[in-house]
Amino acid sequence: MPFRGDPYEKLQRLVNGAAQMGVAFDGDVESGSFSGRGLSGYYHREGQVFVVTIETVPFLMTFDGVAARIQSYLNE
């Protein structure tokens, strides 16, 4: 997922948004994982791109829906 700007700021927005939904992050701006409320996955950064692998999603959500929400946080 490409982004512009400071990767630390983008990751913090993502972490804050996820926390509001009960999803916790474990990691830093280079790599880590996330899980909570039926969602899990991991990520790593390659320059101005976060490579995100979504392993599980909550019952009523789709992988595309989760990916779109993550991308929206990175575009803010």
PDB file of N, CA and C in Angstrom:
ATOM      1  N   MET A   1       0.836  -1.155   0.000  1.00  0.00           N
ATOM      2  CA  MET A   1       0.000   0.000   0.000  1.00  0.00           C
ATOM      3  C   MET A   1       0.892   1.233   0.000  1.00  0.00           C
ATOM      4  N   PRO A   2       0.928   1.940  -1.096  1.00  0.00           N
ATOM      5  CA  PRO A   2       1.786   3.131  -1.180  1.00  0.00           C
ATOM      6  C   PRO A   2       1.256   4.264  -0.316  1.00  0.00           C
ATOM      7  N   PHE A   3       2.170   5.107   0.127  1.00  0.00           N
ATOM      8  CA  PHE A   3       1.795   6.274   0.917  1.00  0.00           C
ATOM      9  C   PHE A   3       2.775   7.395   0.636  1.00  0.00           C
ATOM     10  N   ARG A   4       2.361   8.596   0.963  1.00  0.00           N
ATOM     11  CA  ARG A   4       3.238   9.760   0.871  1.00  0.00           C
ATOM     12  C   ARG A   4       3.449  10.314   2.268  1.00  0.00           C
ATOM     13  N   GLY A   5       4.596  10.910   2.480  1.00  0.00           N
ATOM     14  CA  GLY A   5       4.856  11.539   3.770  1.00  0.00           C
ATOM     15  C   GLY A   5       5.679  10.673   4.688  1.00  0.00           C
ATOM     16  N   ASP A   6       5.651  11.053   5.932  1.00  0.00           N
ATOM     17  CA  ASP A   6       6.452  10.424   6.979  1.00  0.00           C
ATOM     18  C   ASP A   6       5.887   9.052   7.361  1.00  0.00           C
ATOM     19  N   PRO A   7       6.663   7.983   7.217  1.00  0.00           N
ATOM     20  CA  PRO A   7       6.155   6.654   7.554  1.00  0.00           C
ATOM     21  C   PRO A   7       5.794   6.509   9.031  1.00  0.00           C
ATOM     22  N   TYR A   8       6.504   7.205   9.917  1.00  0.00           N
ATOM     23  CA  TYR A   8       6.188   7.139  11.339  1.00  0.00           C
ATOM     24  C   TYR A   8       4.804   7.722  11.602  1.00  0.00           C
ATOM     25  N   GLU A   9       4.509   8.841  10.973  1.00  0.00           N
ATOM     26  CA  GLU A   9       3.204   9.483  11.133  1.00  0.00           C
ATOM     27  C   GLU A   9       2.095   8.607  10.560  1.00  0.00           C
ATOM     28  N   LYS A  10       2.315   8.028   9.401  1.00  0.00           N
ATOM     29  CA  LYS A  10       1.305   7.170   8.776  1.00  0.00           C
ATOM     30  C   LYS A  10       1.029   5.940   9.624  1.00  0.00           C
ATOM     31  N   LEU A  11       2.078   5.309  10.134  1.00  0.00           N
ATOM     32  CA  LEU A  11       1.878   4.133  10.965  1.00  0.00           C
ATOM     33  C   LEU A  11       1.144   4.514  12.243  1.00  0.00           C
ATOM     34  N   GLN A  12       1.459   5.660  12.822  1.00  0.00           N
ATOM     35  CA  GLN A  12       0.773   6.074  14.049  1.00  0.00           C
ATOM     36  C   GLN A  12      -0.713   6.294  13.800  1.00  0.00           C
ATOM     37  N   ARG A  13      -1.070   6.873  12.659  1.00  0.00           N
ATOM     38  CA  ARG A  13      -2.493   7.039  12.315  1.00  0.00           C
ATOM     39  C   ARG A  13      -3.174   5.680  12.199  1.00  0.00           C
ATOM     40  N   LEU A  14      -2.490   4.755  11.577  1.00  0.00           N
ATOM     41  CA  LEU A  14      -3.039   3.412  11.422  1.00  0.00           C
ATOM     42  C   LEU A  14      -3.202   2.729  12.778  1.00  0.00           C
ATOM     43  N   VAL A  15      -2.204   2.833  13.623  1.00  0.00           N
ATOM     44  CA  VAL A  15      -2.254   2.234  14.959  1.00  0.00           C
ATOM     45  C   VAL A  15      -3.399   2.848  15.771  1.00  0.00           C
ATOM     46  N   ASN A  16      -3.544   4.164  15.732  1.00  0.00           N
ATOM     47  CA  ASN A  16      -4.600   4.837  16.484  1.00  0.00           C
ATOM     48  C   ASN A  16      -5.985   4.435  15.983  1.00  0.00           C
ATOM     49  N   GLY A  17      -6.163   4.401  14.660  1.00  0.00           N
ATOM     50  CA  GLY A  17      -7.446   4.001  14.099  1.00  0.00           C
ATOM     51  C   GLY A  17      -7.790   2.565  14.446  1.00  0.00           C
ATOM     52  N   ALA A  18      -6.809   1.691  14.371  1.00  0.00           N
ATOM     53  CA  ALA A  18      -7.032   0.287  14.695  1.00  0.00           C
ATOM     54  C   ALA A  18      -7.385   0.117  16.170  1.00  0.00           C
ATOM     55  N   ALA A  19      -6.722   0.862  17.038  1.00  0.00           N
ATOM     56  CA  ALA A  19      -6.983   0.768  18.476  1.00  0.00           C
ATOM     57  C   ALA A  19      -8.430   1.134  18.785  1.00  0.00           C
ATOM     58  N   GLN A  20      -8.970   2.098  18.072  1.00  0.00           N
ATOM     59  CA  GLN A  20     -10.369   2.491  18.279  1.00  0.00           C
ATOM     60  C   GLN A  20     -11.325   1.358  17.928  1.00  0.00           C
ATOM     61  N   MET A  21     -10.873   0.427  17.096  1.00  0.00           N
ATOM     62  CA  MET A  21     -11.705  -0.708  16.695  1.00  0.00           C
ATOM     63  C   MET A  21     -11.328  -1.986  17.440  1.00  0.00           C
ATOM     64  N   GLY A  22     -10.426  -1.885  18.422  1.00  0.00           N
ATOM     65  CA  GLY A  22     -10.044  -3.045  19.209  1.00  0.00           C
ATOM     66  C   GLY A  22      -8.970  -3.914  18.586  1.00  0.00           C
ATOM     67  N   VAL A  23      -8.212  -3.349  17.641  1.00  0.00           N
ATOM     68  CA  VAL A  23      -7.129  -4.081  16.996  1.00  0.00           C
ATOM     69  C   VAL A  23      -5.801  -3.532  17.505  1.00  0.00           C
ATOM     70  N   ALA A  24      -4.913  -4.398  17.947  1.00  0.00           N
ATOM     71  CA  ALA A  24      -3.629  -4.000  18.506  1.00  0.00           C
ATOM     72  C   ALA A  24      -2.493  -4.263  17.527  1.00  0.00           C
ATOM     73  N   PHE A  25      -1.525  -3.374  17.516  1.00  0.00           N
ATOM     74  CA  PHE A  25      -0.327  -3.522  16.697  1.00  0.00           C
ATOM     75  C   PHE A  25       0.841  -3.895  17.588  1.00  0.00           C
ATOM     76  N   ASP A  26       1.718  -4.734  17.070  1.00  0.00           N
ATOM     77  CA  ASP A  26       2.962  -5.092  17.744  1.00  0.00           C
ATOM     78  C   ASP A  26       4.065  -4.961  16.699  1.00  0.00           C
ATOM     79  N   GLY A  27       4.897  -3.960  16.837  1.00  0.00           N
ATOM     80  CA  GLY A  27       5.962  -3.761  15.869  1.00  0.00           C
ATOM     81  C   GLY A  27       6.364  -2.306  15.796  1.00  0.00           C
ATOM     82  N   ASP A  28       7.040  -1.963  14.719  1.00  0.00           N
ATOM     83  CA  ASP A  28       7.504  -0.596  14.527  1.00  0.00           C
ATOM     84  C   ASP A  28       7.305  -0.200  13.070  1.00  0.00           C
ATOM     85  N   VAL A  29       7.942   0.880  12.659  1.00  0.00           N
ATOM     86  CA  VAL A  29       7.737   1.398  11.312  1.00  0.00           C
ATOM     87  C   VAL A  29       8.328   0.475  10.235  1.00  0.00           C
ATOM     88  N   GLU A  30       9.179  -0.446  10.610  1.00  0.00           N
ATOM     89  CA  GLU A  30       9.778  -1.363   9.637  1.00  0.00           C
ATOM     90  C   GLU A  30       8.960  -2.633   9.435  1.00  0.00           C
ATOM     91  N   SER A  31       8.439  -3.218  10.526  1.00  0.00           N
ATOM     92  CA  SER A  31       7.668  -4.456  10.407  1.00  0.00           C
ATOM     93  C   SER A  31       6.921  -4.732  11.698  1.00  0.00           C
ATOM     94  N   GLY A  32       5.919  -5.588  11.594  1.00  0.00           N
ATOM     95  CA  GLY A  32       5.161  -5.955  12.772  1.00  0.00           C
ATOM     96  C   GLY A  32       3.934  -6.762  12.419  1.00  0.00           C
ATOM     97  N   SER A  33       3.051  -6.891  13.403  1.00  0.00           N
ATOM     98  CA  SER A  33       1.824  -7.644  13.213  1.00  0.00           C
ATOM     99  C   SER A  33       0.673  -6.899  13.878  1.00  0.00           C
ATOM    100  N   PHE A  34      -0.536  -7.329  13.562  1.00  0.00           N
ATOM    101  CA  PHE A  34      -1.728  -6.745  14.170  1.00  0.00           C
ATOM    102  C   PHE A  34      -2.757  -7.844  14.376  1.00  0.00           C
ATOM    103  N   SER A  35      -3.590  -7.689  15.411  1.00  0.00           N
ATOM    104  CA  SER A  35      -4.635  -8.666  15.671  1.00  0.00           C
ATOM    105  C   SER A  35      -5.660  -8.094  16.631  1.00  0.00           C
ATOM    106  N   GLY A  36      -6.851  -8.632  16.542  1.00  0.00           N
ATOM    107  CA  GLY A  36      -7.932  -8.251  17.447  1.00  0.00           C
ATOM    108  C   GLY A  36      -9.265  -8.269  16.730  1.00  0.00           C
ATOM    109  N   ARG A  37     -10.296  -8.682  17.447  1.00  0.00           N
ATOM    110  CA  ARG A  37     -11.672  -8.679  16.950  1.00  0.00           C
ATOM    111  C   ARG A  37     -11.836  -9.400  15.613  1.00  0.00           C
ATOM    112  N   GLY A  38     -11.141 -10.524  15.487  1.00  0.00           N
ATOM    113  CA  GLY A  38     -11.276 -11.343  14.293  1.00  0.00           C
ATOM    114  C   GLY A  38     -10.377 -10.957  13.132  1.00  0.00           C
ATOM    115  N   LEU A  39      -9.572  -9.932  13.321  1.00  0.00           N
ATOM    116  CA  LEU A  39      -8.660  -9.471  12.274  1.00  0.00           C
ATOM    117  C   LEU A  39      -7.235  -9.794  12.678  1.00  0.00           C
ATOM    118  N   SER A  40      -6.448 -10.303  11.742  1.00  0.00           N
ATOM    119  CA  SER A  40      -5.031 -10.529  12.033  1.00  0.00           C
ATOM    120  C   SER A  40      -4.230 -10.445  10.740  1.00  0.00           C
ATOM    121  N   GLY A  41      -2.962 -10.105  10.917  1.00  0.00           N
ATOM    122  CA  GLY A  41      -2.059 -10.029   9.781  1.00  0.00           C
ATOM    123  C   GLY A  41      -0.717  -9.477  10.198  1.00  0.00           C
ATOM    124  N   TYR A  42       0.094  -9.168   9.207  1.00  0.00           N
ATOM    125  CA  TYR A  42       1.415  -8.613   9.483  1.00  0.00           C
ATOM    126  C   TYR A  42       1.793  -7.667   8.354  1.00  0.00           C
ATOM    127  N   TYR A  43       2.859  -6.904   8.567  1.00  0.00           N
ATOM    128  CA  TYR A  43       3.272  -5.903   7.586  1.00  0.00           C
ATOM    129  C   TYR A  43       4.776  -5.693   7.647  1.00  0.00           C
ATOM    130  N   HIS A  44       5.302  -5.113   6.575  1.00  0.00           N
ATOM    131  CA  HIS A  44       6.668  -4.602   6.578  1.00  0.00           C
ATOM    132  C   HIS A  44       6.712  -3.435   5.596  1.00  0.00           C
ATOM    133  N   ARG A  45       7.708  -2.608   5.747  1.00  0.00           N
ATOM    134  CA  ARG A  45       7.822  -1.411   4.917  1.00  0.00           C
ATOM    135  C   ARG A  45       8.958  -1.564   3.931  1.00  0.00           C
ATOM    136  N   GLU A  46       8.690  -1.153   2.699  1.00  0.00           N
ATOM    137  CA  GLU A  46       9.710  -1.080   1.648  1.00  0.00           C
ATOM    138  C   GLU A  46       9.660   0.338   1.098  1.00  0.00           C
ATOM    139  N   GLY A  47      10.479   1.223   1.645  1.00  0.00           N
ATOM    140  CA  GLY A  47      10.475   2.617   1.209  1.00  0.00           C
ATOM    141  C   GLY A  47       9.162   3.294   1.514  1.00  0.00           C
ATOM    142  N   GLN A  48       8.461   3.741   0.480  1.00  0.00           N
ATOM    143  CA  GLN A  48       7.189   4.441   0.649  1.00  0.00           C
ATOM    144  C   GLN A  48       5.996   3.509   0.407  1.00  0.00           C
ATOM    145  N   VAL A  49       6.177   2.237   0.734  1.00  0.00           N
ATOM    146  CA  VAL A  49       5.110   1.244   0.588  1.00  0.00           C
ATOM    147  C   VAL A  49       5.075   0.372   1.843  1.00  0.00           C
ATOM    148  N   PHE A  50       3.878   0.215   2.411  1.00  0.00           N
ATOM    149  CA  PHE A  50       3.668  -0.784   3.451  1.00  0.00           C
ATOM    150  C   PHE A  50       3.106  -2.018   2.765  1.00  0.00           C
ATOM    151  N   VAL A  51       3.799  -3.126   2.885  1.00  0.00           N
ATOM    152  CA  VAL A  51       3.334  -4.402   2.348  1.00  0.00           C
ATOM    153  C   VAL A  51       2.557  -5.072   3.477  1.00  0.00           C
ATOM    154  N   VAL A  52       1.249  -5.222   3.282  1.00  0.00           N
ATOM    155  CA  VAL A  52       0.362  -5.730   4.326  1.00  0.00           C
ATOM    156  C   VAL A  52      -0.207  -7.071   3.892  1.00  0.00           C
ATOM    157  N   THR A  53      -0.094  -8.055   4.778  1.00  0.00           N
ATOM    158  CA  THR A  53      -0.697  -9.357   4.553  1.00  0.00           C
ATOM    159  C   THR A  53      -1.801  -9.537   5.580  1.00  0.00           C
ATOM    160  N   ILE A  54      -3.025  -9.658   5.107  1.00  0.00           N
ATOM    161  CA  ILE A  54      -4.178  -9.851   5.981  1.00  0.00           C
ATOM    162  C   ILE A  54      -4.446 -11.346   6.029  1.00  0.00           C
ATOM    163  N   GLU A  55      -4.368 -11.920   7.225  1.00  0.00           N
ATOM    164  CA  GLU A  55      -4.542 -13.364   7.368  1.00  0.00           C
ATOM    165  C   GLU A  55      -5.995 -13.748   7.640  1.00  0.00           C
ATOM    166  N   THR A  56      -6.660 -13.034   8.536  1.00  0.00           N
ATOM    167  CA  THR A  56      -8.063 -13.313   8.849  1.00  0.00           C
ATOM    168  C   THR A  56      -8.820 -11.997   8.952  1.00  0.00           C
ATOM    169  N   VAL A  57     -10.097 -12.049   8.634  1.00  0.00           N
ATOM    170  CA  VAL A  57     -10.974 -10.878   8.756  1.00  0.00           C
ATOM    171  C   VAL A  57     -12.205 -11.270   9.567  1.00  0.00           C
ATOM    172  N   PRO A  58     -12.860 -10.291  10.209  1.00  0.00           N
ATOM    173  CA  PRO A  58     -14.091 -10.587  10.938  1.00  0.00           C
ATOM    174  C   PRO A  58     -15.160 -11.153   9.987  1.00  0.00           C
ATOM    175  N   PHE A  59     -16.086 -11.865  10.527  1.00  0.00           N
ATOM    176  CA  PHE A  59     -17.101 -12.581   9.765  1.00  0.00           C
ATOM    177  C   PHE A  59     -17.819 -11.712   8.737  1.00  0.00           C
ATOM    178  N   LEU A  60     -18.219 -10.515   9.088  1.00  0.00           N
ATOM    179  CA  LEU A  60     -19.015  -9.683   8.189  1.00  0.00           C
ATOM    180  C   LEU A  60     -18.195  -8.692   7.362  1.00  0.00           C
ATOM    181  N   MET A  61     -16.890  -8.858   7.314  1.00  0.00           N
ATOM    182  CA  MET A  61     -16.038  -7.980   6.511  1.00  0.00           C
ATOM    183  C   MET A  61     -15.352  -8.793   5.420  1.00  0.00           C
ATOM    184  N   THR A  62     -14.904  -8.084   4.390  1.00  0.00           N
ATOM    185  CA  THR A  62     -14.154  -8.735   3.315  1.00  0.00           C
ATOM    186  C   THR A  62     -12.697  -8.301   3.384  1.00  0.00           C
ATOM    187  N   PHE A  63     -11.839  -9.061   2.754  1.00  0.00           N
ATOM    188  CA  PHE A  63     -10.434  -8.683   2.683  1.00  0.00           C
ATOM    189  C   PHE A  63     -10.285  -7.334   1.982  1.00  0.00           C
ATOM    190  N   ASP A  64     -11.051  -7.133   0.907  1.00  0.00           N
ATOM    191  CA  ASP A  64     -10.987  -5.853   0.188  1.00  0.00           C
ATOM    192  C   ASP A  64     -11.440  -4.695   1.060  1.00  0.00           C
ATOM    193  N   GLY A  65     -12.456  -4.920   1.876  1.00  0.00           N
ATOM    194  CA  GLY A  65     -12.943  -3.869   2.768  1.00  0.00           C
ATOM    195  C   GLY A  65     -11.901  -3.475   3.805  1.00  0.00           C
ATOM    196  N   VAL A  66     -11.226  -4.464   4.367  1.00  0.00           N
ATOM    197  CA  VAL A  66     -10.164  -4.184   5.337  1.00  0.00           C
ATOM    198  C   VAL A  66      -9.017  -3.453   4.655  1.00  0.00           C
ATOM    199  N   ALA A  67      -8.632  -3.911   3.467  1.00  0.00           N
ATOM    200  CA  ALA A  67      -7.543  -3.267   2.737  1.00  0.00           C
ATOM    201  C   ALA A  67      -7.892  -1.815   2.419  1.00  0.00           C
ATOM    202  N   ALA A  68      -9.133  -1.547   2.032  1.00  0.00           N
ATOM    203  CA  ALA A  68      -9.548  -0.190   1.737  1.00  0.00           C
ATOM    204  C   ALA A  68      -9.478   0.701   2.972  1.00  0.00           C
ATOM    205  N   ARG A  69      -9.859   0.157   4.119  1.00  0.00           N
ATOM    206  CA  ARG A  69      -9.799   0.947   5.359  1.00  0.00           C
ATOM    207  C   ARG A  69      -8.344   1.257   5.727  1.00  0.00           C
ATOM    208  N   ILE A  70      -7.466   0.288   5.589  1.00  0.00           N
ATOM    209  CA  ILE A  70      -6.040   0.519   5.870  1.00  0.00           C
ATOM    210  C   ILE A  70      -5.506   1.592   4.940  1.00  0.00           C
ATOM    211  N   GLN A  71      -5.811   1.482   3.657  1.00  0.00           N
ATOM    212  CA  GLN A  71      -5.335   2.469   2.685  1.00  0.00           C
ATOM    213  C   GLN A  71      -5.866   3.860   3.009  1.00  0.00           C
ATOM    214  N   SER A  72      -7.100   3.959   3.514  1.00  0.00           N
ATOM    215  CA  SER A  72      -7.657   5.271   3.846  1.00  0.00           C
ATOM    216  C   SER A  72      -6.858   5.940   4.959  1.00  0.00           C
ATOM    217  N   TYR A  73      -6.392   5.162   5.932  1.00  0.00           N
ATOM    218  CA  TYR A  73      -5.560   5.737   7.000  1.00  0.00           C
ATOM    219  C   TYR A  73      -4.221   6.220   6.441  1.00  0.00           C
ATOM    220  N   LEU A  74      -3.682   5.495   5.484  1.00  0.00           N
ATOM    221  CA  LEU A  74      -2.396   5.900   4.911  1.00  0.00           C
ATOM    222  C   LEU A  74      -2.535   7.110   4.002  1.00  0.00           C
ATOM    223  N   ASN A  75      -3.737   7.357   3.479  1.00  0.00           N
ATOM    224  CA  ASN A  75      -3.951   8.496   2.580  1.00  0.00           C
ATOM    225  C   ASN A  75      -4.312   9.776   3.310  1.00  0.00           C
ATOM    226  N   GLU A  76      -4.584   9.704   4.612  1.00  0.00           N
ATOM    227  CA  GLU A  76      -4.969  10.899   5.367  1.00  0.00           C
ATOM    228  C   GLU A  76      -3.826  11.887   5.441  1.00  0.00           C
TER     229      GLU A  76
END
